[in-house]
Amino acid sequence: MSTHPQRFEILVLPEHVVGHEDAPTAQDVIRSAVVEATGEWGASGYPRYEGQGMVADIDPETRTVEALLVDGSELDYGLTARVARAADR
């Protein structure tokens, strides 16, 4: 049985910021939230996390946000979400 992290921080960023080698700055981040494991699995097949208005399915091995709702809605075009690295905080 594998153990998944119980908590992640999700950053919502404009797509043009993603791909830069440097960590995003505070000005780059549109919204962030700390989400905690619910014990459920999402429709994407990954563990579900929620908190601070966000519900996310996250692949804990790759730290990829596979599905995300922010305040009950999908992200607008031009925005993307990623899991913060320790250096992003």
N, C-alpha and C. Protein backbone atom coordinates (compact mmCIF):
# COMPACT_ATOMS: atom_id res chain seq x y z
N MET A 1 0.84 -1.17 0.00
CA MET A 1 0.00 0.00 0.00
C MET A 1 0.90 1.24 0.00
N SER A 2 0.66 2.15 -0.95
CA SER A 2 1.47 3.36 -1.00
C SER A 2 0.81 4.45 -0.17
N THR A 3 1.64 5.30 0.35
CA THR A 3 1.12 6.43 1.11
C THR A 3 1.26 7.68 0.27
N HIS A 4 0.18 8.41 0.18
CA HIS A 4 0.17 9.65 -0.59
C HIS A 4 0.31 10.82 0.37
N PRO A 5 0.93 11.90 -0.10
CA PRO A 5 1.00 13.10 0.74
C PRO A 5 -0.40 13.53 1.15
N GLN A 6 -0.54 14.04 2.33
CA GLN A 6 -1.84 14.46 2.84
C GLN A 6 -2.17 15.91 2.49
N ARG A 7 -1.19 16.66 2.00
CA ARG A 7 -1.41 18.07 1.76
C ARG A 7 -0.51 18.56 0.62
N PHE A 8 -1.05 19.44 -0.20
CA PHE A 8 -0.29 20.11 -1.25
C PHE A 8 -0.69 21.58 -1.28
N GLU A 9 0.18 22.42 -1.82
CA GLU A 9 -0.20 23.79 -2.12
C GLU A 9 -0.34 23.90 -3.63
N ILE A 10 -1.49 24.41 -4.09
CA ILE A 10 -1.74 24.59 -5.51
C ILE A 10 -1.59 26.06 -5.85
N LEU A 11 -0.89 26.32 -6.95
CA LEU A 11 -0.73 27.68 -7.45
C LEU A 11 -1.49 27.80 -8.77
N VAL A 12 -2.28 28.85 -8.92
CA VAL A 12 -2.95 29.15 -10.18
C VAL A 12 -2.16 30.29 -10.82
N LEU A 13 -1.71 30.04 -12.06
CA LEU A 13 -0.83 30.97 -12.76
C LEU A 13 -1.30 31.20 -14.19
N PRO A 14 -0.94 32.33 -14.79
CA PRO A 14 -1.16 32.49 -16.23
C PRO A 14 -0.25 31.50 -16.97
N GLU A 15 -0.72 30.95 -18.09
CA GLU A 15 0.07 29.95 -18.81
C GLU A 15 1.42 30.48 -19.26
N HIS A 16 1.53 31.76 -19.56
CA HIS A 16 2.82 32.28 -20.05
C HIS A 16 3.92 32.26 -18.99
N VAL A 17 3.56 32.08 -17.72
CA VAL A 17 4.54 32.03 -16.64
C VAL A 17 5.12 30.62 -16.51
N VAL A 18 4.32 29.60 -16.82
CA VAL A 18 4.76 28.22 -16.67
C VAL A 18 5.84 27.93 -17.71
N GLY A 19 6.84 27.21 -17.31
CA GLY A 19 7.92 26.86 -18.21
C GLY A 19 9.17 27.67 -17.94
N HIS A 20 9.05 28.75 -17.20
CA HIS A 20 10.24 29.49 -16.81
C HIS A 20 11.01 28.64 -15.81
N GLU A 21 12.30 28.72 -15.88
CA GLU A 21 13.11 27.89 -14.97
C GLU A 21 13.05 28.38 -13.54
N ASP A 22 12.86 29.68 -13.36
CA ASP A 22 12.78 30.22 -12.00
C ASP A 22 11.43 29.90 -11.39
N ALA A 23 11.40 29.86 -10.07
CA ALA A 23 10.14 29.67 -9.36
C ALA A 23 9.27 30.91 -9.60
N PRO A 24 7.95 30.73 -9.66
CA PRO A 24 7.09 31.90 -9.86
C PRO A 24 7.19 32.87 -8.69
N THR A 25 7.07 34.14 -8.99
CA THR A 25 7.11 35.14 -7.94
C THR A 25 5.70 35.34 -7.40
N ALA A 26 5.60 36.05 -6.31
CA ALA A 26 4.29 36.34 -5.71
C ALA A 26 3.40 37.08 -6.71
N GLN A 27 4.00 37.92 -7.57
CA GLN A 27 3.21 38.65 -8.56
C GLN A 27 2.66 37.74 -9.65
N ASP A 28 3.31 36.60 -9.90
CA ASP A 28 2.86 35.65 -10.93
C ASP A 28 1.62 34.88 -10.48
N VAL A 29 1.52 34.60 -9.20
CA VAL A 29 0.46 33.73 -8.67
C VAL A 29 -0.84 34.51 -8.56
N ILE A 30 -1.87 34.01 -9.26
CA ILE A 30 -3.19 34.64 -9.20
C ILE A 30 -3.93 34.20 -7.95
N ARG A 31 -3.78 32.94 -7.62
CA ARG A 31 -4.44 32.39 -6.43
C ARG A 31 -3.67 31.16 -5.98
N SER A 32 -3.71 30.91 -4.69
CA SER A 32 -3.10 29.69 -4.15
C SER A 32 -4.01 29.14 -3.07
N ALA A 33 -3.84 27.86 -2.81
CA ALA A 33 -4.62 27.21 -1.76
C ALA A 33 -3.87 25.99 -1.26
N VAL A 34 -4.00 25.73 0.02
CA VAL A 34 -3.49 24.49 0.59
C VAL A 34 -4.66 23.52 0.60
N VAL A 35 -4.47 22.39 -0.07
CA VAL A 35 -5.53 21.39 -0.16
C VAL A 35 -5.09 20.14 0.59
N GLU A 36 -6.07 19.47 1.19
CA GLU A 36 -5.78 18.28 1.98
C GLU A 36 -6.50 17.07 1.40
N ALA A 37 -5.92 15.91 1.60
CA ALA A 37 -6.50 14.67 1.08
C ALA A 37 -7.88 14.43 1.69
N THR A 38 -8.82 14.01 0.83
CA THR A 38 -10.17 13.70 1.30
C THR A 38 -10.36 12.22 1.58
N GLY A 39 -9.43 11.40 1.06
CA GLY A 39 -9.60 9.95 1.17
C GLY A 39 -10.40 9.38 0.01
N GLU A 40 -10.87 10.25 -0.88
CA GLU A 40 -11.63 9.81 -2.05
C GLU A 40 -10.73 9.84 -3.27
N TRP A 41 -11.22 9.18 -4.33
CA TRP A 41 -10.53 9.19 -5.62
C TRP A 41 -11.39 9.95 -6.59
N GLY A 42 -10.77 10.82 -7.40
CA GLY A 42 -11.51 11.60 -8.37
C GLY A 42 -11.82 10.81 -9.63
N ALA A 43 -12.61 11.41 -10.50
CA ALA A 43 -12.96 10.78 -11.77
C ALA A 43 -11.73 10.54 -12.64
N SER A 44 -10.68 11.30 -12.41
CA SER A 44 -9.44 11.13 -13.18
C SER A 44 -8.66 9.90 -12.74
N GLY A 45 -9.04 9.31 -11.60
CA GLY A 45 -8.34 8.14 -11.09
C GLY A 45 -7.25 8.48 -10.09
N TYR A 46 -7.12 9.74 -9.73
CA TYR A 46 -6.09 10.17 -8.78
C TYR A 46 -6.75 10.59 -7.48
N PRO A 47 -5.96 10.63 -6.39
CA PRO A 47 -6.52 11.04 -5.10
C PRO A 47 -7.09 12.46 -5.17
N ARG A 48 -8.16 12.67 -4.43
CA ARG A 48 -8.82 13.98 -4.40
C ARG A 48 -8.35 14.76 -3.17
N TYR A 49 -8.12 16.04 -3.40
CA TYR A 49 -7.70 16.97 -2.36
C TYR A 49 -8.62 18.18 -2.41
N GLU A 50 -8.90 18.78 -1.25
CA GLU A 50 -9.71 20.00 -1.29
C GLU A 50 -9.39 20.91 -0.13
N GLY A 51 -9.67 22.19 -0.36
CA GLY A 51 -9.47 23.19 0.67
C GLY A 51 -9.43 24.58 0.07
N GLN A 52 -9.84 25.56 0.82
CA GLN A 52 -9.79 26.97 0.45
C GLN A 52 -10.43 27.24 -0.92
N GLY A 53 -11.56 26.58 -1.18
CA GLY A 53 -12.30 26.81 -2.41
C GLY A 53 -11.84 26.00 -3.61
N MET A 54 -10.84 25.15 -3.45
CA MET A 54 -10.35 24.33 -4.56
C MET A 54 -10.59 22.86 -4.29
N VAL A 55 -10.96 22.14 -5.34
CA VAL A 55 -11.08 20.69 -5.32
C VAL A 55 -10.21 20.18 -6.45
N ALA A 56 -9.24 19.32 -6.14
CA ALA A 56 -8.27 18.89 -7.15
C ALA A 56 -8.01 17.40 -7.08
N ASP A 57 -7.81 16.81 -8.26
CA ASP A 57 -7.28 15.46 -8.36
C ASP A 57 -5.80 15.63 -8.69
N ILE A 58 -4.93 15.09 -7.84
CA ILE A 58 -3.49 15.29 -8.00
C ILE A 58 -2.79 13.95 -8.07
N ASP A 59 -1.91 13.79 -9.07
CA ASP A 59 -1.05 12.62 -9.16
C ASP A 59 0.10 12.85 -8.17
N PRO A 60 0.11 12.13 -7.06
CA PRO A 60 1.13 12.39 -6.03
C PRO A 60 2.54 12.03 -6.47
N GLU A 61 2.70 11.14 -7.45
CA GLU A 61 4.04 10.75 -7.89
C GLU A 61 4.68 11.82 -8.75
N THR A 62 3.91 12.40 -9.67
CA THR A 62 4.45 13.43 -10.56
C THR A 62 4.13 14.84 -10.07
N ARG A 63 3.27 14.95 -9.06
CA ARG A 63 2.82 16.23 -8.51
C ARG A 63 2.12 17.06 -9.59
N THR A 64 1.34 16.38 -10.42
CA THR A 64 0.60 17.03 -11.50
C THR A 64 -0.86 17.19 -11.10
N VAL A 65 -1.41 18.38 -11.31
CA VAL A 65 -2.83 18.62 -11.08
C VAL A 65 -3.57 18.09 -12.29
N GLU A 66 -4.32 16.99 -12.11
CA GLU A 66 -5.01 16.33 -13.21
C GLU A 66 -6.41 16.89 -13.45
N ALA A 67 -7.04 17.42 -12.42
CA ALA A 67 -8.37 18.02 -12.52
C ALA A 67 -8.49 19.05 -11.42
N LEU A 68 -9.21 20.16 -11.71
CA LEU A 68 -9.30 21.22 -10.72
C LEU A 68 -10.58 22.02 -10.89
N LEU A 69 -11.24 22.27 -9.77
CA LEU A 69 -12.34 23.22 -9.70
C LEU A 69 -11.96 24.30 -8.71
N VAL A 70 -12.18 25.55 -9.08
CA VAL A 70 -11.93 26.68 -8.20
C VAL A 70 -13.28 27.35 -7.95
N ASP A 71 -13.70 27.36 -6.72
CA ASP A 71 -15.02 27.89 -6.36
C ASP A 71 -16.12 27.26 -7.22
N GLY A 72 -15.97 25.96 -7.50
CA GLY A 72 -16.98 25.20 -8.23
C GLY A 72 -16.90 25.30 -9.74
N SER A 73 -15.93 26.03 -10.28
CA SER A 73 -15.81 26.20 -11.74
C SER A 73 -14.44 25.76 -12.22
N GLU A 74 -14.39 25.39 -13.51
CA GLU A 74 -13.10 25.07 -14.13
C GLU A 74 -12.31 26.35 -14.34
N LEU A 75 -11.01 26.20 -14.52
CA LEU A 75 -10.16 27.36 -14.76
C LEU A 75 -10.50 28.00 -16.11
N ASP A 76 -10.37 29.31 -16.18
CA ASP A 76 -10.54 30.02 -17.44
C ASP A 76 -9.38 29.69 -18.36
N TYR A 77 -9.61 29.84 -19.68
CA TYR A 77 -8.54 29.65 -20.65
C TYR A 77 -7.42 30.64 -20.34
N GLY A 78 -6.20 30.18 -20.53
CA GLY A 78 -5.05 31.02 -20.26
C GLY A 78 -4.49 30.87 -18.86
N LEU A 79 -5.19 30.11 -18.02
CA LEU A 79 -4.71 29.85 -16.66
C LEU A 79 -4.33 28.39 -16.52
N THR A 80 -3.40 28.12 -15.66
CA THR A 80 -2.98 26.76 -15.40
C THR A 80 -2.72 26.60 -13.90
N ALA A 81 -2.68 25.37 -13.45
CA ALA A 81 -2.45 25.09 -12.03
C ALA A 81 -1.28 24.14 -11.90
N ARG A 82 -0.51 24.35 -10.86
CA ARG A 82 0.56 23.41 -10.56
C ARG A 82 0.76 23.31 -9.06
N VAL A 83 1.37 22.23 -8.66
CA VAL A 83 1.69 22.02 -7.26
C VAL A 83 2.97 22.77 -6.95
N ALA A 84 2.96 23.54 -5.89
CA ALA A 84 4.13 24.33 -5.51
C ALA A 84 5.27 23.41 -5.07
N ARG A 85 6.46 23.74 -5.50
CA ARG A 85 7.65 23.09 -5.00
C ARG A 85 8.07 23.83 -3.75
N ALA A 86 8.95 23.25 -2.96
CA ALA A 86 9.42 23.93 -1.75
C ALA A 86 10.02 25.29 -2.10
N ALA A 87 10.68 25.38 -3.26
CA ALA A 87 11.30 26.64 -3.68
C ALA A 87 10.27 27.68 -4.08
N ASP A 88 9.04 27.27 -4.40
CA ASP A 88 7.99 28.20 -4.83
C ASP A 88 7.39 28.93 -3.65
N ARG A 89 7.60 28.46 -2.47
CA ARG A 89 6.93 29.03 -1.30
C ARG A 89 7.68 30.17 -0.72
